[in-house]
Amino acid sequence: MVGIPLTTGWGLTLQNIPTNNWPSSGQAIASSVAAHPEFIRATAGVILIVRHPFDVALSMARHFDCSTDQAIAWMGDESFTLDRSTSELSEFLPQHVGSWSSHFGSWSRAGLPLYVLRYESLLNAPLETLQGLLSFTGLSYDHSRLERAVRW
């Protein structure tokens, strides 16, 4: 699942976004949006790309080389954190992930217009899914070019 903020203009730069206390994960950013008015003013909405949790569990099991049951357990664990090893030093900082449900919920409660783009819909009905996405963004597009892009 990925949340992609849509900016409304060119006025927002990294220099005028406060960097203190900015979290490192999409979930934490979404839950902290209200604390950062610059983010709200510069964001027209959020495109949240989701995949069915069963497919996520299978993919996660392959990625982490663990059992599907372990992946499902992690997906339901509110305290799930990447790289939280206590037995060795790591080159990465711990990143709180939380559960699949809390991640989805954090974006839906962010107070921004939300478009949920389902990965499976993109595979099964790409033209209609992309038309819905473009409609949400308010971007104009040439229908025939979109159809060609989907066929390609």
N, C-alpha and C. Protein backbone atom coordinates (compact mmCIF):
# COMPACT_ATOMS: atom_id res chain seq x y z
N MET A 1 0.84 -1.16 0.00
CA MET A 1 0.00 0.00 0.00
C MET A 1 0.89 1.22 0.00
N VAL A 2 0.55 2.18 -0.88
CA VAL A 2 1.36 3.37 -0.99
C VAL A 2 0.45 4.58 -1.00
N GLY A 3 0.78 5.60 -0.25
CA GLY A 3 0.04 6.86 -0.29
C GLY A 3 0.87 7.89 -1.02
N ILE A 4 0.30 8.50 -2.05
CA ILE A 4 1.03 9.47 -2.84
C ILE A 4 0.31 10.81 -2.74
N PRO A 5 0.91 11.81 -2.07
CA PRO A 5 0.26 13.12 -2.01
C PRO A 5 0.30 13.81 -3.37
N LEU A 6 -0.76 14.53 -3.71
CA LEU A 6 -0.81 15.32 -4.94
C LEU A 6 -0.63 16.78 -4.57
N THR A 7 0.37 17.43 -5.12
CA THR A 7 0.57 18.83 -4.80
C THR A 7 -0.28 19.70 -5.73
N THR A 8 -0.67 20.88 -5.24
CA THR A 8 -1.55 21.75 -6.00
C THR A 8 -0.80 22.83 -6.75
N GLY A 9 0.44 23.09 -6.43
CA GLY A 9 1.15 24.17 -7.10
C GLY A 9 2.64 24.04 -6.91
N TRP A 10 3.34 25.09 -7.34
CA TRP A 10 4.80 25.07 -7.33
C TRP A 10 5.37 25.73 -6.08
N GLY A 11 4.56 26.29 -5.20
CA GLY A 11 5.05 27.07 -4.07
C GLY A 11 5.66 26.27 -2.95
N LEU A 12 5.44 24.98 -2.89
CA LEU A 12 5.93 24.19 -1.77
C LEU A 12 7.30 23.62 -2.10
N THR A 13 8.26 23.92 -1.24
CA THR A 13 9.60 23.35 -1.40
C THR A 13 9.98 22.68 -0.10
N LEU A 14 11.02 21.89 -0.16
CA LEU A 14 11.49 21.24 1.06
C LEU A 14 11.92 22.25 2.11
N GLN A 15 12.34 23.44 1.68
CA GLN A 15 12.79 24.44 2.63
C GLN A 15 11.66 24.96 3.51
N ASN A 16 10.42 24.99 3.00
CA ASN A 16 9.36 25.54 3.84
C ASN A 16 8.44 24.48 4.44
N ILE A 17 8.91 23.24 4.49
CA ILE A 17 8.22 22.20 5.24
C ILE A 17 9.04 21.94 6.50
N PRO A 18 8.41 22.04 7.67
CA PRO A 18 9.19 21.78 8.88
C PRO A 18 9.69 20.34 8.91
N THR A 19 10.97 20.17 9.23
CA THR A 19 11.54 18.83 9.22
C THR A 19 11.62 18.22 10.60
N ASN A 20 11.40 19.02 11.65
CA ASN A 20 11.47 18.44 12.98
C ASN A 20 10.27 17.54 13.22
N ASN A 21 10.51 16.41 13.80
CA ASN A 21 9.46 15.45 14.16
C ASN A 21 8.76 14.81 12.96
N TRP A 22 9.35 14.86 11.78
CA TRP A 22 8.72 14.18 10.65
C TRP A 22 9.02 12.70 10.75
N PRO A 23 7.98 11.86 10.73
CA PRO A 23 8.16 10.42 10.85
C PRO A 23 8.73 9.83 9.56
N SER A 24 9.14 8.57 9.63
CA SER A 24 9.80 7.96 8.48
C SER A 24 8.90 7.08 7.64
N SER A 25 7.71 6.74 8.08
CA SER A 25 6.89 5.85 7.27
C SER A 25 5.64 6.56 6.79
N GLY A 26 5.07 6.05 5.69
CA GLY A 26 3.85 6.62 5.14
C GLY A 26 2.72 6.64 6.16
N GLN A 27 2.63 5.59 6.96
CA GLN A 27 1.58 5.52 7.96
C GLN A 27 1.72 6.66 8.95
N ALA A 28 2.92 6.87 9.43
CA ALA A 28 3.13 7.92 10.42
C ALA A 28 2.92 9.29 9.80
N ILE A 29 3.34 9.48 8.56
CA ILE A 29 3.13 10.76 7.89
C ILE A 29 1.64 11.03 7.77
N ALA A 30 0.88 10.03 7.35
CA ALA A 30 -0.57 10.22 7.20
C ALA A 30 -1.21 10.58 8.52
N SER A 31 -0.78 9.96 9.59
CA SER A 31 -1.38 10.25 10.89
C SER A 31 -0.89 11.57 11.46
N SER A 32 0.18 12.14 10.89
CA SER A 32 0.73 13.39 11.37
C SER A 32 0.38 14.57 10.48
N VAL A 33 -0.41 14.33 9.43
CA VAL A 33 -0.71 15.37 8.46
C VAL A 33 -1.29 16.62 9.12
N ALA A 34 -2.20 16.43 10.06
CA ALA A 34 -2.86 17.57 10.69
C ALA A 34 -1.86 18.47 11.42
N ALA A 35 -0.75 17.92 11.84
CA ALA A 35 0.25 18.70 12.56
C ALA A 35 1.11 19.55 11.62
N HIS A 36 0.95 19.39 10.34
CA HIS A 36 1.78 20.10 9.36
C HIS A 36 0.88 20.83 8.36
N PRO A 37 0.46 22.07 8.69
CA PRO A 37 -0.45 22.80 7.81
C PRO A 37 0.10 23.00 6.41
N GLU A 38 1.43 23.07 6.25
CA GLU A 38 2.01 23.24 4.92
C GLU A 38 1.66 22.05 4.03
N PHE A 39 1.64 20.86 4.61
CA PHE A 39 1.29 19.66 3.86
C PHE A 39 -0.16 19.72 3.41
N ILE A 40 -1.04 20.15 4.31
CA ILE A 40 -2.47 20.24 3.99
C ILE A 40 -2.68 21.25 2.86
N ARG A 41 -2.08 22.44 2.97
CA ARG A 41 -2.28 23.48 1.95
C ARG A 41 -1.75 23.06 0.59
N ALA A 42 -0.71 22.25 0.56
CA ALA A 42 -0.08 21.89 -0.70
C ALA A 42 -0.60 20.57 -1.27
N THR A 43 -1.56 19.95 -0.62
CA THR A 43 -2.01 18.63 -1.03
C THR A 43 -3.46 18.67 -1.46
N ALA A 44 -3.70 18.31 -2.72
CA ALA A 44 -5.07 18.28 -3.23
C ALA A 44 -5.77 16.98 -2.83
N GLY A 45 -5.01 15.95 -2.60
CA GLY A 45 -5.60 14.66 -2.23
C GLY A 45 -4.53 13.59 -2.16
N VAL A 46 -4.97 12.39 -1.84
CA VAL A 46 -4.06 11.26 -1.70
C VAL A 46 -4.56 10.11 -2.56
N ILE A 47 -3.64 9.52 -3.30
CA ILE A 47 -3.92 8.30 -4.05
C ILE A 47 -3.33 7.16 -3.23
N LEU A 48 -4.18 6.30 -2.73
CA LEU A 48 -3.75 5.18 -1.92
C LEU A 48 -3.84 3.92 -2.76
N ILE A 49 -2.71 3.33 -3.07
CA ILE A 49 -2.68 2.11 -3.88
C ILE A 49 -2.69 0.93 -2.92
N VAL A 50 -3.72 0.09 -3.03
CA VAL A 50 -3.85 -1.06 -2.14
C VAL A 50 -3.90 -2.35 -2.94
N ARG A 51 -3.47 -3.39 -2.30
CA ARG A 51 -3.52 -4.73 -2.86
C ARG A 51 -4.24 -5.61 -1.85
N HIS A 52 -4.93 -6.61 -2.33
CA HIS A 52 -5.69 -7.48 -1.44
C HIS A 52 -4.74 -8.04 -0.38
N PRO A 53 -5.15 -8.02 0.89
CA PRO A 53 -4.26 -8.47 1.97
C PRO A 53 -3.75 -9.90 1.79
N PHE A 54 -4.54 -10.78 1.19
CA PHE A 54 -4.05 -12.16 0.97
C PHE A 54 -2.85 -12.16 0.04
N ASP A 55 -2.92 -11.35 -1.02
CA ASP A 55 -1.78 -11.26 -1.95
C ASP A 55 -0.59 -10.58 -1.29
N VAL A 56 -0.86 -9.59 -0.45
CA VAL A 56 0.23 -8.93 0.28
C VAL A 56 0.94 -9.94 1.18
N ALA A 57 0.17 -10.79 1.85
CA ALA A 57 0.77 -11.80 2.74
C ALA A 57 1.68 -12.74 1.97
N LEU A 58 1.24 -13.20 0.81
CA LEU A 58 2.07 -14.10 0.00
C LEU A 58 3.35 -13.40 -0.46
N SER A 59 3.21 -12.16 -0.91
CA SER A 59 4.37 -11.40 -1.35
C SER A 59 5.33 -11.12 -0.20
N MET A 60 4.77 -10.77 0.95
CA MET A 60 5.58 -10.48 2.13
C MET A 60 6.35 -11.73 2.59
N ALA A 61 5.70 -12.87 2.53
CA ALA A 61 6.37 -14.13 2.92
C ALA A 61 7.56 -14.40 2.01
N ARG A 62 7.38 -14.19 0.72
CA ARG A 62 8.51 -14.39 -0.22
C ARG A 62 9.61 -13.37 0.06
N HIS A 63 9.22 -12.11 0.26
CA HIS A 63 10.22 -11.05 0.44
C HIS A 63 11.04 -11.25 1.70
N PHE A 64 10.38 -11.63 2.80
CA PHE A 64 11.08 -11.79 4.07
C PHE A 64 11.53 -13.23 4.33
N ASP A 65 11.29 -14.11 3.36
CA ASP A 65 11.67 -15.51 3.48
C ASP A 65 11.13 -16.10 4.79
N CYS A 66 9.82 -15.95 4.95
CA CYS A 66 9.16 -16.49 6.15
C CYS A 66 7.90 -17.23 5.70
N SER A 67 7.23 -17.85 6.63
CA SER A 67 6.00 -18.56 6.30
C SER A 67 4.87 -17.56 6.04
N THR A 68 3.86 -18.00 5.32
CA THR A 68 2.69 -17.16 5.09
C THR A 68 2.01 -16.84 6.43
N ASP A 69 1.98 -17.82 7.33
CA ASP A 69 1.38 -17.57 8.65
C ASP A 69 2.13 -16.46 9.39
N GLN A 70 3.46 -16.45 9.30
CA GLN A 70 4.24 -15.40 9.95
C GLN A 70 3.93 -14.04 9.32
N ALA A 71 3.84 -14.00 7.99
CA ALA A 71 3.53 -12.75 7.30
C ALA A 71 2.16 -12.23 7.73
N ILE A 72 1.18 -13.13 7.81
CA ILE A 72 -0.17 -12.73 8.23
C ILE A 72 -0.13 -12.20 9.66
N ALA A 73 0.63 -12.86 10.51
CA ALA A 73 0.75 -12.39 11.90
C ALA A 73 1.34 -10.99 11.95
N TRP A 74 2.39 -10.74 11.16
CA TRP A 74 2.99 -9.41 11.13
C TRP A 74 2.00 -8.38 10.61
N MET A 75 1.23 -8.74 9.58
CA MET A 75 0.27 -7.80 9.00
C MET A 75 -0.82 -7.39 10.00
N GLY A 76 -1.06 -8.21 10.99
CA GLY A 76 -2.05 -7.90 12.01
C GLY A 76 -1.47 -7.33 13.29
N ASP A 77 -0.16 -7.15 13.31
CA ASP A 77 0.54 -6.71 14.53
C ASP A 77 0.72 -5.19 14.52
N GLU A 78 0.03 -4.50 15.42
CA GLU A 78 0.12 -3.04 15.51
C GLU A 78 1.54 -2.57 15.83
N SER A 79 2.34 -3.44 16.45
CA SER A 79 3.69 -3.03 16.83
C SER A 79 4.75 -3.49 15.82
N PHE A 80 4.34 -4.05 14.69
CA PHE A 80 5.30 -4.56 13.71
C PHE A 80 6.24 -3.45 13.27
N THR A 81 7.53 -3.73 13.38
CA THR A 81 8.57 -2.77 13.05
C THR A 81 9.64 -3.47 12.23
N LEU A 82 10.06 -2.83 11.17
CA LEU A 82 11.16 -3.37 10.36
C LEU A 82 12.48 -3.01 11.04
N ASP A 83 13.40 -3.94 11.03
CA ASP A 83 14.75 -3.72 11.54
C ASP A 83 14.79 -3.37 13.02
N ARG A 84 14.10 -4.14 13.82
CA ARG A 84 14.12 -3.89 15.26
C ARG A 84 14.98 -4.89 16.01
N SER A 85 16.03 -5.32 15.37
CA SER A 85 16.91 -6.31 15.96
C SER A 85 17.51 -5.81 17.27
N THR A 86 17.51 -6.67 18.27
CA THR A 86 18.14 -6.33 19.55
C THR A 86 19.44 -7.11 19.73
N SER A 87 19.74 -8.00 18.78
CA SER A 87 20.91 -8.86 18.95
C SER A 87 22.11 -8.42 18.12
N GLU A 88 21.90 -7.50 17.20
CA GLU A 88 23.02 -7.09 16.35
C GLU A 88 22.82 -5.66 15.88
N LEU A 89 23.88 -5.02 15.47
CA LEU A 89 23.79 -3.69 14.90
C LEU A 89 23.24 -3.80 13.49
N SER A 90 22.52 -2.80 13.08
CA SER A 90 21.94 -2.80 11.75
C SER A 90 22.34 -1.52 11.03
N GLU A 91 22.40 -1.60 9.71
CA GLU A 91 22.71 -0.39 8.95
C GLU A 91 21.46 0.46 8.73
N PHE A 92 20.31 -0.01 9.17
CA PHE A 92 19.06 0.72 8.99
C PHE A 92 18.47 1.11 10.33
N LEU A 93 17.71 2.20 10.33
CA LEU A 93 16.97 2.59 11.52
C LEU A 93 15.67 1.81 11.57
N PRO A 94 15.18 1.51 12.76
CA PRO A 94 13.88 0.83 12.86
C PRO A 94 12.78 1.69 12.23
N GLN A 95 11.85 1.05 11.55
CA GLN A 95 10.73 1.76 10.93
C GLN A 95 9.43 1.07 11.36
N HIS A 96 8.61 1.79 12.11
CA HIS A 96 7.34 1.24 12.55
C HIS A 96 6.42 1.10 11.34
N VAL A 97 5.86 -0.07 11.15
CA VAL A 97 4.96 -0.34 10.04
C VAL A 97 3.53 -0.47 10.54
N GLY A 98 3.34 -1.17 11.65
CA GLY A 98 1.99 -1.39 12.17
C GLY A 98 1.26 -2.42 11.34
N SER A 99 -0.04 -2.48 11.51
CA SER A 99 -0.83 -3.48 10.79
C SER A 99 -1.32 -2.93 9.46
N TRP A 100 -1.74 -3.85 8.59
CA TRP A 100 -2.31 -3.46 7.29
C TRP A 100 -3.51 -2.56 7.53
N SER A 101 -4.37 -2.94 8.45
CA SER A 101 -5.60 -2.18 8.72
C SER A 101 -5.31 -0.80 9.27
N SER A 102 -4.34 -0.68 10.18
CA SER A 102 -4.05 0.63 10.74
C SER A 102 -3.41 1.55 9.70
N HIS A 103 -2.61 0.97 8.81
CA HIS A 103 -2.02 1.77 7.74
C HIS A 103 -3.12 2.33 6.84
N PHE A 104 -4.04 1.47 6.41
CA PHE A 104 -5.14 1.91 5.56
C PHE A 104 -5.98 2.96 6.30
N GLY A 105 -6.28 2.68 7.56
CA GLY A 105 -7.08 3.61 8.34
C GLY A 105 -6.44 4.95 8.55
N SER A 106 -5.11 4.97 8.68
CA SER A 106 -4.42 6.23 8.91
C SER A 106 -4.59 7.17 7.72
N TRP A 107 -4.55 6.62 6.52
CA TRP A 107 -4.76 7.47 5.33
C TRP A 107 -6.21 7.88 5.21
N SER A 108 -7.15 7.00 5.55
CA SER A 108 -8.56 7.36 5.41
C SER A 108 -8.98 8.41 6.45
N ARG A 109 -8.24 8.53 7.54
CA ARG A 109 -8.54 9.53 8.57
C ARG A 109 -7.69 10.79 8.44
N ALA A 110 -6.90 10.90 7.40
CA ALA A 110 -5.97 12.02 7.27
C ALA A 110 -6.66 13.35 7.00
N GLY A 111 -7.94 13.32 6.64
CA GLY A 111 -8.65 14.57 6.39
C GLY A 111 -8.41 15.15 5.01
N LEU A 112 -7.91 14.34 4.11
CA LEU A 112 -7.67 14.77 2.73
C LEU A 112 -8.54 13.96 1.79
N PRO A 113 -8.90 14.53 0.63
CA PRO A 113 -9.61 13.71 -0.35
C PRO A 113 -8.79 12.47 -0.67
N LEU A 114 -9.45 11.32 -0.70
CA LEU A 114 -8.75 10.05 -0.83
C LEU A 114 -9.30 9.27 -2.02
N TYR A 115 -8.40 8.79 -2.86
CA TYR A 115 -8.78 7.90 -3.96
C TYR A 115 -8.08 6.57 -3.70
N VAL A 116 -8.86 5.52 -3.51
CA VAL A 116 -8.30 4.20 -3.28
C VAL A 116 -8.20 3.50 -4.62
N LEU A 117 -6.98 3.25 -5.04
CA LEU A 117 -6.73 2.56 -6.30
C LEU A 117 -6.36 1.12 -5.96
N ARG A 118 -7.24 0.21 -6.32
CA ARG A 118 -7.00 -1.21 -6.02
C ARG A 118 -6.15 -1.81 -7.13
N TYR A 119 -5.07 -2.43 -6.73
CA TYR A 119 -4.14 -3.06 -7.67
C TYR A 119 -4.88 -4.05 -8.57
N GLU A 120 -5.77 -4.83 -7.99
CA GLU A 120 -6.51 -5.83 -8.76
C GLU A 120 -7.42 -5.17 -9.80
N SER A 121 -7.98 -4.02 -9.47
CA SER A 121 -8.81 -3.28 -10.44
C SER A 121 -7.95 -2.78 -11.59
N LEU A 122 -6.76 -2.37 -11.28
CA LEU A 122 -5.85 -1.90 -12.33
C LEU A 122 -5.51 -3.03 -13.29
N LEU A 123 -5.38 -4.26 -12.77
CA LEU A 123 -5.12 -5.41 -13.63
C LEU A 123 -6.34 -5.84 -14.43
N ASN A 124 -7.52 -5.84 -13.78
CA ASN A 124 -8.73 -6.38 -14.40
C ASN A 124 -9.48 -5.38 -15.27
N ALA A 125 -9.40 -4.11 -14.96
CA ALA A 125 -10.11 -3.08 -15.72
C ALA A 125 -9.23 -1.83 -15.79
N PRO A 126 -8.10 -1.92 -16.49
CA PRO A 126 -7.13 -0.82 -16.45
C PRO A 126 -7.67 0.50 -16.99
N LEU A 127 -8.40 0.47 -18.08
CA LEU A 127 -8.90 1.71 -18.66
C LEU A 127 -9.85 2.43 -17.70
N GLU A 128 -10.81 1.70 -17.19
CA GLU A 128 -11.79 2.30 -16.27
C GLU A 128 -11.11 2.78 -14.98
N THR A 129 -10.15 2.01 -14.50
CA THR A 129 -9.46 2.38 -13.26
C THR A 129 -8.65 3.65 -13.47
N LEU A 130 -7.93 3.74 -14.57
CA LEU A 130 -7.14 4.94 -14.85
C LEU A 130 -8.03 6.15 -15.12
N GLN A 131 -9.18 5.93 -15.76
CA GLN A 131 -10.12 7.04 -15.98
C GLN A 131 -10.61 7.59 -14.64
N GLY A 132 -10.92 6.69 -13.71
CA GLY A 132 -11.34 7.12 -12.38
C GLY A 132 -10.25 7.89 -11.67
N LEU A 133 -9.03 7.40 -11.78
CA LEU A 133 -7.89 8.07 -11.17
C LEU A 133 -7.70 9.47 -11.75
N LEU A 134 -7.73 9.58 -13.07
CA LEU A 134 -7.55 10.88 -13.71
C LEU A 134 -8.70 11.83 -13.37
N SER A 135 -9.89 11.30 -13.28
CA SER A 135 -11.04 12.11 -12.87
C SER A 135 -10.82 12.67 -11.46
N PHE A 136 -10.33 11.84 -10.55
CA PHE A 136 -10.05 12.27 -9.19
C PHE A 136 -9.03 13.40 -9.17
N THR A 137 -7.98 13.29 -9.99
CA THR A 137 -6.93 14.31 -9.98
C THR A 137 -7.35 15.60 -10.68
N GLY A 138 -8.37 15.51 -11.53
CA GLY A 138 -8.79 16.69 -12.27
C GLY A 138 -7.91 16.97 -13.47
N LEU A 139 -7.00 16.06 -13.78
CA LEU A 139 -6.12 16.24 -14.94
C LEU A 139 -6.88 15.91 -16.22
N SER A 140 -6.66 16.71 -17.23
CA SER A 140 -7.30 16.41 -18.52
C SER A 140 -6.44 15.38 -19.25
N TYR A 141 -7.08 14.62 -20.11
CA TYR A 141 -6.34 13.60 -20.86
C TYR A 141 -7.08 13.32 -22.16
N ASP A 142 -6.33 12.80 -23.10
CA ASP A 142 -6.88 12.40 -24.38
C ASP A 142 -7.29 10.93 -24.26
N HIS A 143 -8.58 10.67 -24.42
CA HIS A 143 -9.11 9.32 -24.24
C HIS A 143 -8.42 8.30 -25.15
N SER A 144 -8.19 8.67 -26.41
CA SER A 144 -7.56 7.72 -27.34
C SER A 144 -6.11 7.42 -26.92
N ARG A 145 -5.40 8.41 -26.41
CA ARG A 145 -4.03 8.16 -25.94
C ARG A 145 -4.03 7.25 -24.72
N LEU A 146 -5.01 7.44 -23.83
CA LEU A 146 -5.12 6.57 -22.67
C LEU A 146 -5.41 5.14 -23.09
N GLU A 147 -6.32 4.96 -24.06
CA GLU A 147 -6.63 3.62 -24.57
C GLU A 147 -5.39 2.97 -25.18
N ARG A 148 -4.60 3.75 -25.95
CA ARG A 148 -3.37 3.21 -26.54
C ARG A 148 -2.38 2.81 -25.46
N ALA A 149 -2.26 3.61 -24.43
CA ALA A 149 -1.33 3.32 -23.33
C ALA A 149 -1.73 2.03 -22.63
N VAL A 150 -3.03 1.80 -22.46
CA VAL A 150 -3.50 0.59 -21.80
C VAL A 150 -3.24 -0.63 -22.69
N ARG A 151 -3.47 -0.49 -23.98
CA ARG A 151 -3.22 -1.62 -24.89
C ARG A 151 -1.73 -1.95 -24.99
N TRP A 152 -0.87 -0.96 -24.86
CA TRP A 152 0.57 -1.15 -25.00
C TRP A 152 1.05 -2.05 -23.94
